Amino acid sequence: MHEPTNLDELRQAVIDLRHIRVRGAGTKPALSDAPTVSTAKLRGVISYDPSEFTFTALAGTPLAEIRDLLTEHGQFLCFDPPLVDAGATLGGTVASGLSGPGRLRFGGVRDFLLGAQLVTGEGRVVFGGGKVVKNAAGFDIPKLMVGGLGQYGVLAELTFKVFPRPESYATLEIRCRSLGSALSLQAKISACPLEPACLDLLPDGALWVRVGGLQVAQAARLERLRALASSDEVLDTQLHEDDRQLWSDASELTWATDASGEISQVLARIALTPKDIPSLEQLLKERTTAQRRYSVAGNVAWIGCGAELIPAIDDWCSQHGRTGLVLRGTSHRQPPILGQPPGAPFRRHLKSVFDPQNKLTAQA
């Protein structure tokens, strides 16, 4: 396996190889099975200007290094990338298009990527976007790379904008009588002006609502949330004791285990809407005891399950016009996409432009 340490070595590897599958840290193994190129040594922060709220780093840089650097200056990655402690890299996160629970408040990875340098399937070095927030000239290549699974180019260097980190966080746990009651309350909270940082739903009717901001304002915001949740359909409302651990478990996906406590064979993410949840719940209840969590106010489903359930989830996605991605485990399709993503003609055109020899396959 090629392990380039700089752009020239990466470009040469792309030119020399007939088949290219890139592996970052391997935290999403379904996307990087049998890799031929590793970006593990293509790492490091190239530039960081806290006053401009931007940084540039090589694609193989672990997100944990970025997090620690930003924390020193009271800043953070607003899209709340998952699997940071597991070792996920900057490039793998962009290629897979993954964001965490915190994207509810600020937006996803696509909203914060300013620039990208990549190597096309022909070995050409291409740069799109810029290194400053105001740059808006040219074709928006960086956005095309988000969720592209590395099929249009091997990411080499990325520039992001960042935000000041909220002074404090607190999480209110609300237990409702039923999933339907929780969905109704979730809609109310999503529409209220309190702007929660995270809003996750569990199948048993529990809602986790995280608020972030100034410490002096937290108590008042939590009371407003309690008032909003006051109804006969709410069984209990309490402040969660360990806010940081709760959302770390959510971002690291450590909850995705089977009945015996073992890590689930398959981990999948599905993009959906809150109205899809009852239908998906019916499927999961009938077929398996799959672990699942509905995040970002019901717009993302994370599912940990056995491999035998994937075809049924794939069919559900196709029937409902939704798409998903298998991150861990095997899939009957490569790349391991669930459902039928829209825009196939456009994707084929991009592939013909960036990778006419069809060298590049899924990466993360």
Protein backbone atom coordinates (compact mmCIF):
# COMPACT_ATOMS: atom_id res chain seq x y z
CA MET A 1 0.00 0.00 0.00
CA HIS A 2 1.31 3.46 -0.93
CA GLU A 3 1.80 5.87 1.98
CA PRO A 4 2.60 9.29 0.52
CA THR A 5 4.04 11.94 2.82
CA ASN A 6 3.54 14.93 0.52
CA LEU A 7 1.57 16.11 -2.50
CA ASP A 8 4.14 14.99 -5.07
CA GLU A 9 4.21 11.45 -3.68
CA LEU A 10 0.40 11.35 -3.63
CA ARG A 11 0.22 12.50 -7.23
CA GLN A 12 2.76 9.90 -8.32
CA ALA A 13 0.84 7.15 -6.55
CA VAL A 14 -2.34 8.13 -8.39
CA ILE A 15 -0.48 8.08 -11.72
CA ASP A 16 1.17 4.72 -11.07
CA LEU A 17 -1.80 2.78 -9.72
CA ARG A 18 -4.59 1.34 -11.82
CA HIS A 19 -7.01 1.03 -8.92
CA ILE A 20 -7.15 3.59 -6.10
CA ARG A 21 -8.98 3.21 -2.84
CA VAL A 22 -7.84 5.58 -0.12
CA ARG A 23 -7.77 4.82 3.57
CA GLY A 24 -7.47 7.49 6.23
CA ALA A 25 -7.72 6.09 9.75
CA GLY A 26 -10.08 3.26 8.86
CA THR A 27 -12.80 4.42 11.26
CA LYS A 28 -15.40 3.77 8.53
CA PRO A 29 -14.11 0.42 7.25
CA ALA A 30 -16.98 -0.26 4.84
CA LEU A 31 -15.71 2.70 2.80
CA SER A 32 -12.03 1.75 2.75
CA ASP A 33 -11.91 -2.02 2.30
CA ALA A 34 -8.73 -3.27 0.55
CA PRO A 35 -7.06 0.17 0.31
CA THR A 36 -4.18 0.87 -2.08
CA VAL A 37 -3.28 4.34 -0.75
CA SER A 38 -3.06 5.54 2.85
CA THR A 39 -3.13 9.20 3.87
CA ALA A 40 -1.95 8.41 7.41
CA LYS A 41 1.38 10.18 6.78
CA LEU A 42 -0.16 13.08 4.88
CA ARG A 43 -0.94 14.99 8.04
CA GLY A 44 -0.36 18.28 9.80
CA VAL A 45 -1.81 21.78 10.14
CA ILE A 46 -0.38 24.06 7.44
CA SER A 47 -1.80 27.32 8.70
CA TYR A 48 -4.16 28.56 11.39
CA ASP A 49 -5.23 32.14 12.03
CA PRO A 50 -7.48 32.34 15.09
CA SER A 51 -8.32 35.97 14.35
CA GLU A 52 -9.65 34.99 10.90
CA PHE A 53 -11.34 31.84 12.20
CA THR A 54 -9.80 29.65 9.48
CA PHE A 55 -7.29 26.83 9.27
CA THR A 56 -5.71 24.70 6.54
CA ALA A 57 -4.54 21.13 7.13
CA LEU A 58 -3.52 18.05 5.17
CA ALA A 59 -6.25 15.49 4.55
CA GLY A 60 -4.76 12.77 6.74
CA THR A 61 -4.68 14.98 9.84
CA PRO A 62 -6.61 13.38 12.73
CA LEU A 63 -9.60 15.43 13.81
CA ALA A 64 -8.44 15.07 17.41
CA GLU A 65 -5.37 17.19 16.59
CA ILE A 66 -7.59 19.84 15.01
CA ARG A 67 -9.94 19.79 18.00
CA ASP A 68 -7.11 20.21 20.50
CA LEU A 69 -5.57 23.08 18.55
CA LEU A 70 -8.86 24.93 18.23
CA THR A 71 -9.71 24.37 21.90
CA GLU A 72 -6.57 26.26 22.91
CA HIS A 73 -8.08 29.33 21.26
CA GLY A 74 -11.67 28.82 22.40
CA GLN A 75 -12.83 27.69 18.95
CA PHE A 76 -14.33 24.49 17.50
CA LEU A 77 -15.55 22.66 14.41
CA CYS A 78 -19.22 23.64 14.35
CA PHE A 79 -20.40 20.65 12.31
CA ASP A 80 -19.47 18.38 15.22
CA PRO A 81 -17.66 15.61 13.30
CA PRO A 82 -18.24 12.06 14.56
CA LEU A 83 -15.61 9.46 15.50
CA VAL A 84 -13.01 12.03 16.55
CA ASP A 85 -11.71 9.99 19.48
CA ALA A 86 -11.73 6.89 17.27
CA GLY A 87 -9.14 8.58 15.05
CA ALA A 88 -11.19 9.92 12.11
CA THR A 89 -9.29 12.19 9.72
CA LEU A 90 -10.20 15.48 8.11
CA GLY A 91 -10.22 14.01 4.58
CA GLY A 92 -12.27 10.95 5.50
CA THR A 93 -14.88 13.14 7.17
CA VAL A 94 -15.22 15.32 4.08
CA ALA A 95 -15.27 12.34 1.69
CA SER A 96 -18.02 10.63 3.68
CA GLY A 97 -19.88 13.89 4.33
CA LEU A 98 -20.37 13.10 8.01
CA SER A 99 -21.50 15.58 10.65
CA GLY A 100 -22.54 14.98 14.24
CA PRO A 101 -25.49 15.95 16.46
CA GLY A 102 -24.23 19.53 16.71
CA ARG A 103 -24.93 20.25 13.05
CA LEU A 104 -28.50 21.12 14.11
CA ARG A 105 -27.47 24.57 15.32
CA PHE A 106 -24.76 25.57 12.86
CA GLY A 107 -24.94 23.33 9.78
CA GLY A 108 -23.03 20.42 8.27
CA VAL A 109 -19.49 19.91 7.04
CA ARG A 110 -20.43 21.34 3.63
CA ASP A 111 -21.23 24.71 5.24
CA PHE A 112 -17.74 25.16 6.70
CA LEU A 113 -15.43 23.85 3.99
CA LEU A 114 -13.80 26.82 2.25
CA GLY A 115 -11.20 25.23 0.02
CA ALA A 116 -9.89 21.86 -1.14
CA GLN A 117 -6.78 20.70 -2.96
CA LEU A 118 -7.11 17.30 -4.61
CA VAL A 119 -5.50 14.96 -7.10
CA THR A 120 -7.80 13.81 -9.92
CA GLY A 121 -7.81 10.33 -11.38
CA GLU A 122 -5.48 11.56 -14.13
CA GLY A 123 -2.94 12.82 -11.60
CA ARG A 124 -3.77 16.51 -12.01
CA VAL A 125 -3.56 18.73 -8.93
CA VAL A 126 -6.68 20.86 -8.64
CA PHE A 127 -7.54 23.55 -6.09
CA GLY A 128 -11.01 24.91 -5.56
CA GLY A 129 -12.39 27.54 -3.20
CA GLY A 130 -10.10 29.70 -1.10
CA LYS A 131 -8.39 30.16 2.25
CA VAL A 132 -10.50 33.08 3.41
CA VAL A 133 -14.19 33.26 4.25
CA LYS A 134 -14.95 35.95 1.64
CA ASN A 135 -13.56 33.94 -1.29
CA ALA A 136 -16.44 32.99 -3.59
CA ALA A 137 -14.90 32.95 -7.06
CA GLY A 138 -14.96 30.01 -9.44
CA PHE A 139 -16.69 26.64 -9.53
CA ASP A 140 -17.38 25.31 -6.04
CA ILE A 141 -15.21 22.20 -6.19
CA PRO A 142 -14.96 21.79 -2.38
CA LYS A 143 -18.71 21.28 -2.03
CA LEU A 144 -18.61 18.57 -4.71
CA MET A 145 -16.08 16.64 -2.64
CA VAL A 146 -18.32 16.51 0.45
CA GLY A 147 -19.94 13.08 0.50
CA GLY A 148 -18.30 12.22 -2.83
CA LEU A 149 -16.58 9.20 -1.22
CA GLY A 150 -13.35 10.11 -2.97
CA GLN A 151 -14.69 9.07 -6.36
CA TYR A 152 -13.83 12.39 -7.99
CA GLY A 153 -10.39 12.98 -6.49
CA VAL A 154 -8.02 12.13 -3.67
CA LEU A 155 -8.18 14.92 -1.10
CA ALA A 156 -4.80 16.38 -0.17
CA GLU A 157 -5.42 19.66 1.65
CA LEU A 158 -8.51 21.27 3.19
CA THR A 159 -9.41 24.72 4.51
CA PHE A 160 -12.21 25.27 7.03
CA LYS A 161 -13.82 28.13 8.85
CA VAL A 162 -14.45 27.75 12.58
CA PHE A 163 -16.52 29.45 15.28
CA PRO A 164 -16.02 30.47 18.93
CA ARG A 165 -16.90 27.62 21.26
CA PRO A 166 -19.97 28.19 23.48
CA GLU A 167 -19.07 29.01 27.07
CA SER A 168 -21.16 26.21 28.55
CA TYR A 169 -23.53 23.38 27.67
CA ALA A 170 -26.40 21.64 29.44
CA THR A 171 -28.73 18.85 28.37
CA LEU A 172 -32.36 18.33 29.30
CA GLU A 173 -33.68 14.77 29.09
CA ILE A 174 -37.40 14.63 28.36
CA ARG A 175 -39.26 11.31 28.53
CA CYS A 176 -42.54 11.14 26.66
CA ARG A 177 -45.36 8.60 26.83
CA SER A 178 -44.82 7.39 23.26
CA LEU A 179 -42.73 7.88 20.16
CA GLY A 180 -45.60 9.88 18.62
CA SER A 181 -45.65 12.24 21.61
CA ALA A 182 -41.89 12.67 21.36
CA LEU A 183 -42.12 13.46 17.64
CA SER A 184 -44.73 16.15 18.31
CA LEU A 185 -42.62 17.73 21.04
CA GLN A 186 -39.52 17.50 18.86
CA ALA A 187 -41.32 19.53 16.19
CA LYS A 188 -42.25 22.19 18.77
CA ILE A 189 -38.70 22.46 20.06
CA SER A 190 -37.29 22.64 16.53
CA ALA A 191 -39.59 25.55 15.72
CA CYS A 192 -39.01 27.50 18.94
CA PRO A 193 -36.52 30.40 19.15
CA LEU A 194 -34.32 28.70 21.77
CA GLU A 195 -32.01 27.30 19.05
CA PRO A 196 -30.85 24.08 20.74
CA ALA A 197 -27.36 22.87 19.91
CA CYS A 198 -28.45 19.23 19.61
CA LEU A 199 -31.79 17.43 19.54
CA ASP A 200 -31.78 13.62 19.49
CA LEU A 201 -34.67 11.18 19.77
CA LEU A 202 -34.64 7.59 21.03
CA PRO A 203 -37.24 4.97 19.99
CA ASP A 204 -38.57 4.72 23.54
CA GLY A 205 -39.81 8.31 23.41
CA ALA A 206 -36.86 10.01 25.10
CA LEU A 207 -35.66 13.38 23.81
CA TRP A 208 -32.23 14.80 24.57
CA VAL A 209 -32.09 18.56 24.12
CA ARG A 210 -28.72 20.30 24.42
CA VAL A 211 -28.38 24.05 24.78
CA GLY A 212 -25.15 25.98 24.58
CA GLY A 213 -24.16 29.58 25.17
CA LEU A 214 -23.35 31.96 27.98
CA GLN A 215 -23.38 30.40 31.44
CA VAL A 216 -25.55 33.18 32.86
CA ALA A 217 -28.29 32.47 30.32
CA GLN A 218 -28.45 28.69 30.68
CA ALA A 219 -30.86 28.48 33.62
CA ALA A 220 -33.44 30.69 31.91
CA ARG A 221 -33.22 28.75 28.65
CA LEU A 222 -33.65 25.43 30.44
CA GLU A 223 -36.71 26.74 32.25
CA ARG A 224 -38.23 27.81 28.94
CA LEU A 225 -37.60 24.32 27.61
CA ARG A 226 -39.26 22.77 30.63
CA ALA A 227 -42.28 25.02 30.14
CA LEU A 228 -42.45 24.05 26.46
CA ALA A 229 -42.37 20.37 27.43
CA SER A 230 -45.05 20.71 30.09
CA SER A 231 -47.97 18.48 29.06
CA ASP A 232 -49.77 15.26 29.95
CA GLU A 233 -47.75 13.47 27.27
CA VAL A 234 -44.45 14.13 29.09
CA LEU A 235 -43.62 11.67 31.85
CA ASP A 236 -40.44 13.25 33.21
CA THR A 237 -38.01 16.12 32.60
CA GLN A 238 -34.60 16.23 34.19
CA LEU A 239 -31.16 17.73 33.71
CA HIS A 240 -28.62 15.18 32.55
CA GLU A 241 -25.71 14.89 34.98
CA ASP A 242 -22.89 14.38 32.47
CA ASP A 243 -23.57 16.47 29.38
CA ARG A 244 -20.10 16.00 27.91
CA GLN A 245 -20.09 12.18 28.16
CA LEU A 246 -23.62 11.92 26.79
CA TRP A 247 -22.77 13.73 23.57
CA SER A 248 -19.36 12.12 23.31
CA ASP A 249 -21.10 8.74 23.24
CA ALA A 250 -23.46 10.10 20.59
CA SER A 251 -20.66 11.40 18.36
CA GLU A 252 -18.42 8.37 18.84
CA LEU A 253 -21.37 6.03 18.16
CA THR A 254 -20.38 3.85 21.11
CA TRP A 255 -24.06 3.16 21.79
CA ALA A 256 -24.33 1.09 18.56
CA THR A 257 -24.09 -2.34 20.18
CA ASP A 258 -26.19 -5.49 19.97
CA ALA A 259 -28.17 -7.13 22.79
CA SER A 260 -25.03 -8.74 24.23
CA GLY A 261 -23.17 -5.42 24.37
CA GLU A 262 -20.91 -6.26 21.42
CA ILE A 263 -20.30 -3.67 18.70
CA SER A 264 -22.93 -4.05 15.99
CA GLN A 265 -21.82 -5.79 12.81
CA VAL A 266 -23.15 -2.99 10.65
CA LEU A 267 -23.36 0.75 11.24
CA ALA A 268 -25.40 2.81 8.82
CA ARG A 269 -26.50 6.41 8.53
CA ILE A 270 -29.70 7.40 6.73
CA ALA A 271 -30.80 10.89 5.73
CA LEU A 272 -34.54 11.25 6.30
CA THR A 273 -37.23 13.56 7.70
CA PRO A 274 -39.17 13.29 10.98
CA LYS A 275 -42.28 12.07 9.15
CA ASP A 276 -40.32 9.00 7.97
CA ILE A 277 -39.48 7.83 11.48
CA PRO A 278 -42.69 5.88 12.29
CA SER A 279 -42.36 3.88 9.06
CA LEU A 280 -38.69 3.11 9.65
CA GLU A 281 -39.45 2.20 13.25
CA GLN A 282 -42.04 -0.30 12.08
CA LEU A 283 -39.46 -1.99 9.85
CA LEU A 284 -36.83 -2.13 12.58
CA LYS A 285 -39.24 -3.46 15.19
CA GLU A 286 -40.45 -6.25 12.93
CA ARG A 287 -37.08 -7.42 11.70
CA THR A 288 -34.54 -6.99 14.47
CA THR A 289 -33.58 -5.51 17.81
CA ALA A 290 -31.38 -3.00 16.00
CA GLN A 291 -29.97 -0.12 18.00
CA ARG A 292 -30.89 3.25 16.55
CA ARG A 293 -30.94 6.93 17.31
CA TYR A 294 -32.65 9.75 15.42
CA SER A 295 -30.44 12.81 15.40
CA VAL A 296 -30.52 16.42 14.16
CA ALA A 297 -34.22 16.85 15.03
CA GLY A 298 -35.17 13.66 13.19
CA ASN A 299 -33.28 14.33 9.97
CA VAL A 300 -30.61 11.65 10.44
CA ALA A 301 -30.98 8.04 11.56
CA TRP A 302 -28.01 6.10 12.91
CA ILE A 303 -28.57 2.34 12.95
CA GLY A 304 -26.44 -0.42 14.40
CA CYS A 305 -27.64 -3.87 13.34
CA GLY A 306 -26.80 -7.26 11.88
CA ALA A 307 -25.83 -7.61 8.21
CA GLU A 308 -29.05 -9.49 7.44
CA LEU A 309 -31.09 -6.31 7.85
CA ILE A 310 -29.23 -4.19 5.28
CA PRO A 311 -31.21 -5.36 2.20
CA ALA A 312 -34.49 -4.47 3.96
CA ILE A 313 -33.18 -1.03 4.93
CA ASP A 314 -31.98 -0.56 1.36
CA ASP A 315 -35.47 -1.37 0.05
CA TRP A 316 -37.03 1.02 2.59
CA CYS A 317 -34.73 3.83 1.45
CA SER A 318 -35.61 3.22 -2.21
CA GLN A 319 -39.35 3.13 -1.50
CA HIS A 320 -39.27 6.37 0.49
CA GLY A 321 -36.81 8.27 -1.71
CA ARG A 322 -34.12 8.39 1.00
CA THR A 323 -30.42 7.58 0.88
CA GLY A 324 -28.07 6.01 3.37
CA LEU A 325 -24.47 4.96 3.79
CA VAL A 326 -22.98 1.86 5.40
CA LEU A 327 -19.94 2.89 7.46
CA ARG A 328 -19.11 -0.38 9.15
CA GLY A 329 -19.72 -3.95 8.03
CA THR A 330 -20.47 -5.41 4.63
CA SER A 331 -22.95 -4.26 2.03
CA HIS A 332 -24.36 -5.85 -1.11
CA ARG A 333 -23.34 -2.76 -3.08
CA GLN A 334 -20.13 -0.81 -3.68
CA PRO A 335 -19.81 1.92 -2.77
CA PRO A 336 -22.07 0.93 0.15
CA ILE A 337 -24.84 3.43 -0.57
CA LEU A 338 -28.42 2.60 0.46
CA GLY A 339 -31.37 3.67 -1.66
CA GLN A 340 -31.11 5.50 -4.95
CA PRO A 341 -29.32 8.87 -4.63
CA PRO A 342 -30.71 11.52 -6.98
CA GLY A 343 -28.66 13.21 -9.67
CA ALA A 344 -27.11 10.12 -11.28
CA PRO A 345 -26.49 11.84 -14.68
CA PHE A 346 -24.70 14.72 -12.95
CA ARG A 347 -22.54 12.32 -10.91
CA ARG A 348 -21.61 10.39 -14.04
CA HIS A 349 -20.59 13.64 -15.70
CA LEU A 350 -18.41 14.60 -12.72
CA LYS A 351 -16.80 11.17 -12.83
CA SER A 352 -16.00 11.56 -16.53
CA VAL A 353 -14.37 14.94 -15.87
CA PHE A 354 -12.38 14.14 -12.72
CA ASP A 355 -11.71 10.45 -13.23
CA PRO A 356 -12.12 9.44 -16.90
CA GLN A 357 -10.04 6.27 -16.41
CA ASN A 358 -12.32 5.16 -13.54
CA LYS A 359 -9.44 4.65 -11.12
CA LEU A 360 -11.02 6.04 -7.98
CA THR A 361 -13.34 4.14 -5.65
CA ALA A 362 -14.89 4.86 -2.27
CA GLN A 363 -12.65 6.19 0.47
CA ALA A 364 -12.88 7.33 4.09
